[in-house]
C-alpha atoms as a PDB file:
ATOM      1  CA  UNK A   1      16.179   8.369 -11.438  1.00  0.00           C
ATOM      2  CA  UNK A   2      13.613   5.905 -10.471  1.00  0.00           C
ATOM      3  CA  UNK A   3      14.385   6.162  -6.602  1.00  0.00           C
ATOM      4  CA  UNK A   4      11.931   8.949  -5.866  1.00  0.00           C
ATOM      5  CA  UNK A   5       9.098   7.281  -7.723  1.00  0.00           C
ATOM      6  CA  UNK A   6       9.747   4.008  -6.151  1.00  0.00           C
ATOM      7  CA  UNK A   7      10.021   5.657  -2.735  1.00  0.00           C
ATOM      8  CA  UNK A   8       6.720   7.364  -3.433  1.00  0.00           C
ATOM      9  CA  UNK A   9       4.969   4.187  -4.717  1.00  0.00           C
ATOM     10  CA  UNK A  10       6.185   2.025  -1.705  1.00  0.00           C
ATOM     11  CA  UNK A  11       5.915   4.680   1.148  1.00  0.00           C
ATOM     12  CA  UNK A  12       2.706   6.656   0.533  1.00  0.00           C
ATOM     13  CA  UNK A  13       0.391   3.742   1.269  1.00  0.00           C
ATOM     14  CA  UNK A  14       1.811   3.672   4.834  1.00  0.00           C
ATOM     15  CA  UNK A  15       1.445   7.311   5.587  1.00  0.00           C
ATOM     16  CA  UNK A  16      -1.786   6.721   7.624  1.00  0.00           C
ATOM     17  CA  UNK A  17       0.107   4.144   9.632  1.00  0.00           C
ATOM     18  CA  UNK A  18       3.001   6.435  10.211  1.00  0.00           C
ATOM     19  CA  UNK A  19       0.666   9.124  11.363  1.00  0.00           C
ATOM     20  CA  UNK A  20      -1.276   6.719  13.597  1.00  0.00           C
ATOM     21  CA  UNK A  21       1.980   5.619  15.298  1.00  0.00           C
ATOM     22  CA  UNK A  22       3.145   9.141  15.699  1.00  0.00           C
ATOM     23  CA  UNK A  23      -0.223  10.296  17.066  1.00  0.00           C
ATOM     24  CA  UNK A  24      -0.414   7.616  19.778  1.00  0.00           C
ATOM     25  CA  UNK A  25       3.069   8.149  20.793  1.00  0.00           C
ATOM     26  CA  UNK A  26       2.967  12.019  20.996  1.00  0.00           C
ATOM     27  CA  UNK A  27      -0.766  12.438  21.659  1.00  0.00           C
ATOM     28  CA  UNK A  28      -0.799  15.631  19.613  1.00  0.00           C
ATOM     29  CA  UNK A  29      -2.081  15.871  16.018  1.00  0.00           C
ATOM     30  CA  UNK A  30       0.243  18.811  14.996  1.00  0.00           C
ATOM     31  CA  UNK A  31       3.362  17.289  16.502  1.00  0.00           C
ATOM     32  CA  UNK A  32       2.415  13.877  14.798  1.00  0.00           C
ATOM     33  CA  UNK A  33       1.998  15.586  11.519  1.00  0.00           C
ATOM     34  CA  UNK A  34       5.445  17.242  11.838  1.00  0.00           C
ATOM     35  CA  UNK A  35       6.999  13.884  13.011  1.00  0.00           C
ATOM     36  CA  UNK A  36       5.495  12.205  10.015  1.00  0.00           C
ATOM     37  CA  UNK A  37       6.827  14.791   7.581  1.00  0.00           C
ATOM     38  CA  UNK A  38      10.268  14.825   9.183  1.00  0.00           C
ATOM     39  CA  UNK A  39      10.393  10.987   9.253  1.00  0.00           C
ATOM     40  CA  UNK A  40       9.400  10.751   5.490  1.00  0.00           C
ATOM     41  CA  UNK A  41      12.151  13.276   4.668  1.00  0.00           C
ATOM     42  CA  UNK A  42      14.697  11.133   6.567  1.00  0.00           C
ATOM     43  CA  UNK A  43      13.290   7.968   5.038  1.00  0.00           C
ATOM     44  CA  UNK A  44      13.569   9.571   1.379  1.00  0.00           C
ATOM     45  CA  UNK A  45      17.202  10.581   2.120  1.00  0.00           C
ATOM     46  CA  UNK A  46      18.058   7.009   3.371  1.00  0.00           C
ATOM     47  CA  UNK A  47      15.978   5.213   0.831  1.00  0.00           C
ATOM     48  CA  UNK A  48      18.982   3.820  -1.045  1.00  0.00           C
ATOM     49  CA  UNK A  49      19.976   1.941   2.142  1.00  0.00           C
ATOM     50  CA  UNK A  50      16.798   0.069   2.383  1.00  0.00           C
ATOM     51  CA  UNK A  51      17.505  -3.669   1.984  1.00  0.00           C
ATOM     52  CA  UNK A  52      14.327  -5.609   0.581  1.00  0.00           C
ATOM     53  CA  UNK A  53      10.951  -4.486  -0.457  1.00  0.00           C
ATOM     54  CA  UNK A  54       9.131  -4.416   2.825  1.00  0.00           C
ATOM     55  CA  UNK A  55       9.231  -0.608   3.438  1.00  0.00           C
ATOM     56  CA  UNK A  56       6.531  -0.482   6.287  1.00  0.00           C
ATOM     57  CA  UNK A  57       8.593  -1.858   9.170  1.00  0.00           C
ATOM     58  CA  UNK A  58      11.613   0.328   8.074  1.00  0.00           C
ATOM     59  CA  UNK A  59       9.485   3.349   7.770  1.00  0.00           C
ATOM     60  CA  UNK A  60       7.635   2.957  11.134  1.00  0.00           C
ATOM     61  CA  UNK A  61      11.080   2.583  12.771  1.00  0.00           C
ATOM     62  CA  UNK A  62      12.065   5.985  11.451  1.00  0.00           C
ATOM     63  CA  UNK A  63       8.647   7.396  12.667  1.00  0.00           C
ATOM     64  CA  UNK A  64       9.219   5.912  15.985  1.00  0.00           C
ATOM     65  CA  UNK A  65      12.738   7.143  16.382  1.00  0.00           C
ATOM     66  CA  UNK A  66      11.738  10.794  15.327  1.00  0.00           C
ATOM     67  CA  UNK A  67       8.738  10.663  17.704  1.00  0.00           C
ATOM     68  CA  UNK A  68      10.808   9.605  20.544  1.00  0.00           C
ATOM     69  CA  UNK A  69      13.315  12.280  19.794  1.00  0.00           C
ATOM     70  CA  UNK A  70      10.513  14.766  19.933  1.00  0.00           C
ATOM     71  CA  UNK A  71       9.235  13.466  23.144  1.00  0.00           C
ATOM     72  CA  UNK A  72      12.585  13.708  24.861  1.00  0.00           C
ATOM     73  CA  UNK A  73      13.157  17.237  23.340  1.00  0.00           C
ATOM     74  CA  UNK A  74       9.731  18.436  24.625  1.00  0.00           C
ATOM     75  CA  UNK A  75       9.959  16.470  27.923  1.00  0.00           C
ATOM     76  CA  UNK A  76       6.487  15.396  27.825  1.00  0.00           C
ATOM     77  CA  UNK A  77       5.571  13.348  30.929  1.00  0.00           C
ATOM     78  CA  UNK A  78       1.827  13.730  31.295  1.00  0.00           C
ATOM     79  CA  UNK A  79      -0.288  10.883  29.887  1.00  0.00           C
ATOM     80  CA  UNK A  80      -3.254  13.219  29.320  1.00  0.00           C
ATOM     81  CA  UNK A  81      -4.994  13.494  26.027  1.00  0.00           C
ATOM     82  CA  UNK A  82      -7.897  15.544  24.709  1.00  0.00           C
ATOM     83  CA  UNK A  83     -10.421  13.420  22.846  1.00  0.00           C
ATOM     84  CA  UNK A  84     -12.077  16.346  21.214  1.00  0.00           C
ATOM     85  CA  UNK A  85     -12.040  15.843  17.585  1.00  0.00           C
ATOM     86  CA  UNK A  86     -10.801  12.217  17.869  1.00  0.00           C
ATOM     87  CA  UNK A  87     -14.086  10.795  16.560  1.00  0.00           C
ATOM     88  CA  UNK A  88     -15.400  12.077  13.232  1.00  0.00           C
ATOM     89  CA  UNK A  89     -18.555  14.102  13.291  1.00  0.00           C
ATOM     90  CA  UNK A  90     -21.302  13.637  10.729  1.00  0.00           C
ATOM     91  CA  UNK A  91     -22.211  16.596   8.697  1.00  0.00           C
ATOM     92  CA  UNK A  92     -25.599  15.135   7.620  1.00  0.00           C
ATOM     93  CA  UNK A  93     -26.997  14.948  11.185  1.00  0.00           C
ATOM     94  CA  UNK A  94     -29.659  17.535  10.249  1.00  0.00           C
ATOM     95  CA  UNK A  95     -31.065  15.369   7.485  1.00  0.00           C
ATOM     96  CA  UNK A  96     -34.669  14.785   7.937  1.00  0.00           C
ATOM     97  CA  UNK A  97     -36.556  11.819   6.385  1.00  0.00           C
ATOM     98  CA  UNK A  98     -38.772   8.957   6.885  1.00  0.00           C
ATOM     99  CA  UNK A  99     -37.687   6.392   9.602  1.00  0.00           C
ATOM    100  CA  UNK A 100     -37.268   3.338   7.459  1.00  0.00           C
ATOM    101  CA  UNK A 101     -36.225   0.036   9.020  1.00  0.00           C
ATOM    102  CA  UNK A 102     -32.538  -0.425   8.087  1.00  0.00           C
ATOM    103  CA  UNK A 103     -29.717  -2.828   8.771  1.00  0.00           C
ATOM    104  CA  UNK A 104     -27.494   0.173   9.695  1.00  0.00           C
ATOM    105  CA  UNK A 105     -26.893   0.653  13.332  1.00  0.00           C
ATOM    106  CA  UNK A 106     -29.318   2.632  15.210  1.00  0.00           C
ATOM    107  CA  UNK A 107     -28.544   6.070  16.794  1.00  0.00           C
ATOM    108  CA  UNK A 108     -28.328   4.327  20.144  1.00  0.00           C
ATOM    109  CA  UNK A 109     -26.025   1.672  18.899  1.00  0.00           C
ATOM    110  CA  UNK A 110     -23.764   4.317  17.212  1.00  0.00           C
ATOM    111  CA  UNK A 111     -23.798   6.468  20.422  1.00  0.00           C
ATOM    112  CA  UNK A 112     -22.819   3.492  22.512  1.00  0.00           C
ATOM    113  CA  UNK A 113     -20.036   2.460  19.935  1.00  0.00           C
ATOM    114  CA  UNK A 114     -18.663   5.924  19.989  1.00  0.00           C
ATOM    115  CA  UNK A 115     -18.743   5.862  23.770  1.00  0.00           C
ATOM    116  CA  UNK A 116     -17.002   2.536  23.954  1.00  0.00           C
ATOM    117  CA  UNK A 117     -14.328   3.955  21.405  1.00  0.00           C
ATOM    118  CA  UNK A 118     -13.763   7.100  23.531  1.00  0.00           C
ATOM    119  CA  UNK A 119     -13.362   4.744  26.617  1.00  0.00           C
ATOM    120  CA  UNK A 120     -10.747   2.606  25.003  1.00  0.00           C
ATOM    121  CA  UNK A 121      -8.913   5.448  23.466  1.00  0.00           C
ATOM    122  CA  UNK A 122      -8.853   7.321  26.816  1.00  0.00           C
ATOM    123  CA  UNK A 123      -7.523   4.134  28.507  1.00  0.00           C
ATOM    124  CA  UNK A 124      -4.978   3.603  25.701  1.00  0.00           C
ATOM    125  CA  UNK A 125      -3.573   7.148  26.022  1.00  0.00           C
ATOM    126  CA  UNK A 126      -2.970   6.443  29.724  1.00  0.00           C
ATOM    127  CA  UNK A 127      -0.521   3.559  29.002  1.00  0.00           C
ATOM    128  CA  UNK A 128       3.178   4.249  28.925  1.00  0.00           C
ATOM    129  CA  UNK A 129       4.615   4.786  25.429  1.00  0.00           C
ATOM    130  CA  UNK A 130       6.332   1.449  25.122  1.00  0.00           C
ATOM    131  CA  UNK A 131       3.088  -0.252  25.826  1.00  0.00           C
ATOM    132  CA  UNK A 132       0.983   2.015  23.604  1.00  0.00           C
ATOM    133  CA  UNK A 133       3.220   1.520  20.666  1.00  0.00           C
ATOM    134  CA  UNK A 134       2.963  -2.337  20.697  1.00  0.00           C
ATOM    135  CA  UNK A 135      -0.974  -2.038  21.052  1.00  0.00           C
ATOM    136  CA  UNK A 136      -1.125   0.476  18.065  1.00  0.00           C
ATOM    137  CA  UNK A 137       1.266  -1.454  15.850  1.00  0.00           C
ATOM    138  CA  UNK A 138      -0.390  -4.884  16.511  1.00  0.00           C
ATOM    139  CA  UNK A 139      -4.055  -3.978  16.927  1.00  0.00           C
ATOM    140  CA  UNK A 140      -4.367  -0.812  14.862  1.00  0.00           C
ATOM    141  CA  UNK A 141      -1.877  -1.680  12.084  1.00  0.00           C
ATOM    142  CA  UNK A 142      -2.058  -5.260  12.067  1.00  0.00           C
ATOM    143  CA  UNK A 143       1.611  -5.764  12.171  1.00  0.00           C
ATOM    144  CA  UNK A 144       3.277  -9.255  12.952  1.00  0.00           C
ATOM    145  CA  UNK A 145       5.421  -9.665  16.019  1.00  0.00           C
ATOM    146  CA  UNK A 146       8.526  -9.990  13.780  1.00  0.00           C
ATOM    147  CA  UNK A 147       7.608  -6.533  12.118  1.00  0.00           C
ATOM    148  CA  UNK A 148       7.041  -4.967  15.484  1.00  0.00           C
ATOM    149  CA  UNK A 149      10.275  -6.286  16.819  1.00  0.00           C
ATOM    150  CA  UNK A 150      11.992  -4.728  13.805  1.00  0.00           C
ATOM    151  CA  UNK A 151      10.205  -1.412  14.398  1.00  0.00           C
ATOM    152  CA  UNK A 152      10.869  -1.353  18.016  1.00  0.00           C
ATOM    153  CA  UNK A 153      14.298  -2.870  17.812  1.00  0.00           C
ATOM    154  CA  UNK A 154      13.725  -5.491  20.539  1.00  0.00           C
ATOM    155  CA  UNK A 155      13.439  -9.285  20.453  1.00  0.00           C
ATOM    156  CA  UNK A 156      10.098 -10.942  19.561  1.00  0.00           C
ATOM    157  CA  UNK A 157       9.933 -12.362  23.133  1.00  0.00           C
ATOM    158  CA  UNK A 158      10.069  -8.770  24.368  1.00  0.00           C
ATOM    159  CA  UNK A 159       7.356  -7.696  21.925  1.00  0.00           C
ATOM    160  CA  UNK A 160       5.098 -10.543  23.144  1.00  0.00           C
ATOM    161  CA  UNK A 161       5.864  -9.664  26.812  1.00  0.00           C
ATOM    162  CA  UNK A 162       4.994  -5.954  26.262  1.00  0.00           C
ATOM    163  CA  UNK A 163       1.841  -6.801  24.261  1.00  0.00           C
ATOM    164  CA  UNK A 164       0.710  -9.050  26.940  1.00  0.00           C
ATOM    165  CA  UNK A 165       1.559  -6.387  29.682  1.00  0.00           C
ATOM    166  CA  UNK A 166      -0.108  -3.683  27.504  1.00  0.00           C
ATOM    167  CA  UNK A 167      -3.377  -5.680  27.129  1.00  0.00           C
ATOM    168  CA  UNK A 168      -3.332  -6.427  30.874  1.00  0.00           C
ATOM    169  CA  UNK A 169      -2.921  -2.785  31.746  1.00  0.00           C
ATOM    170  CA  UNK A 170      -5.454  -1.694  29.180  1.00  0.00           C
ATOM    171  CA  UNK A 171      -7.962  -4.227  30.487  1.00  0.00           C
ATOM    172  CA  UNK A 172      -7.301  -3.170  34.178  1.00  0.00           C
ATOM    173  CA  UNK A 173      -7.701   0.567  33.274  1.00  0.00           C
ATOM    174  CA  UNK A 174     -10.987  -0.235  31.175  1.00  0.00           C
ATOM    175  CA  UNK A 175     -12.341  -2.036  34.344  1.00  0.00           C
ATOM    176  CA  UNK A 176     -11.571   1.070  36.465  1.00  0.00           C
ATOM    177  CA  UNK A 177     -13.106   3.461  34.049  1.00  0.00           C
ATOM    178  CA  UNK A 178     -16.298   1.349  33.671  1.00  0.00           C
ATOM    179  CA  UNK A 179     -16.558   0.936  37.478  1.00  0.00           C
ATOM    180  CA  UNK A 180     -16.071   4.857  37.837  1.00  0.00           C
ATOM    181  CA  UNK A 181     -18.679   5.324  35.093  1.00  0.00           C
ATOM    182  CA  UNK A 182     -21.185   3.000  36.893  1.00  0.00           C
ATOM    183  CA  UNK A 183     -20.613   4.898  40.190  1.00  0.00           C
ATOM    184  CA  UNK A 184     -21.195   8.198  38.418  1.00  0.00           C
ATOM    185  CA  UNK A 185     -24.378   6.907  36.634  1.00  0.00           C
ATOM    186  CA  UNK A 186     -25.987   6.202  39.859  1.00  0.00           C
END
């Protein structure tokens, strides 16, 4: 019985990608974990039907389908996300020591970087799910257009079109947020 070991060996390296996709589609950590668990169970049961060795697109297709079923079952329509806990917190912030010149980013640079990440994540969360998913699969997971087409079950041209539209909407939303931030800063 090598199927369970093969499944485990091939699928576990993609668990973070599965969670990432589920999280960005559902915008809820607990639901994303439940979806990944359900998707992995479904994938394990259907593993004998996998053709080829590239499990990632096949697995993410299952995650996507389960996530969309959860979305329709829960009838989520709001594009609001809480960014609390999205960025990791450092436990060693109370460490005191000498201020030695370092190549590490300064506190100011780290704060700006976190602020930029929060801004981008907030703008991304406001995109419709079909645009969010292509951005997540391409930019976060580094998947090819062909792999994204396989996961989303649409032609490559549609993937390219959705990605272009998603990037345009993301850029426009970021401009709005930055303009709003500038007005609030004054």
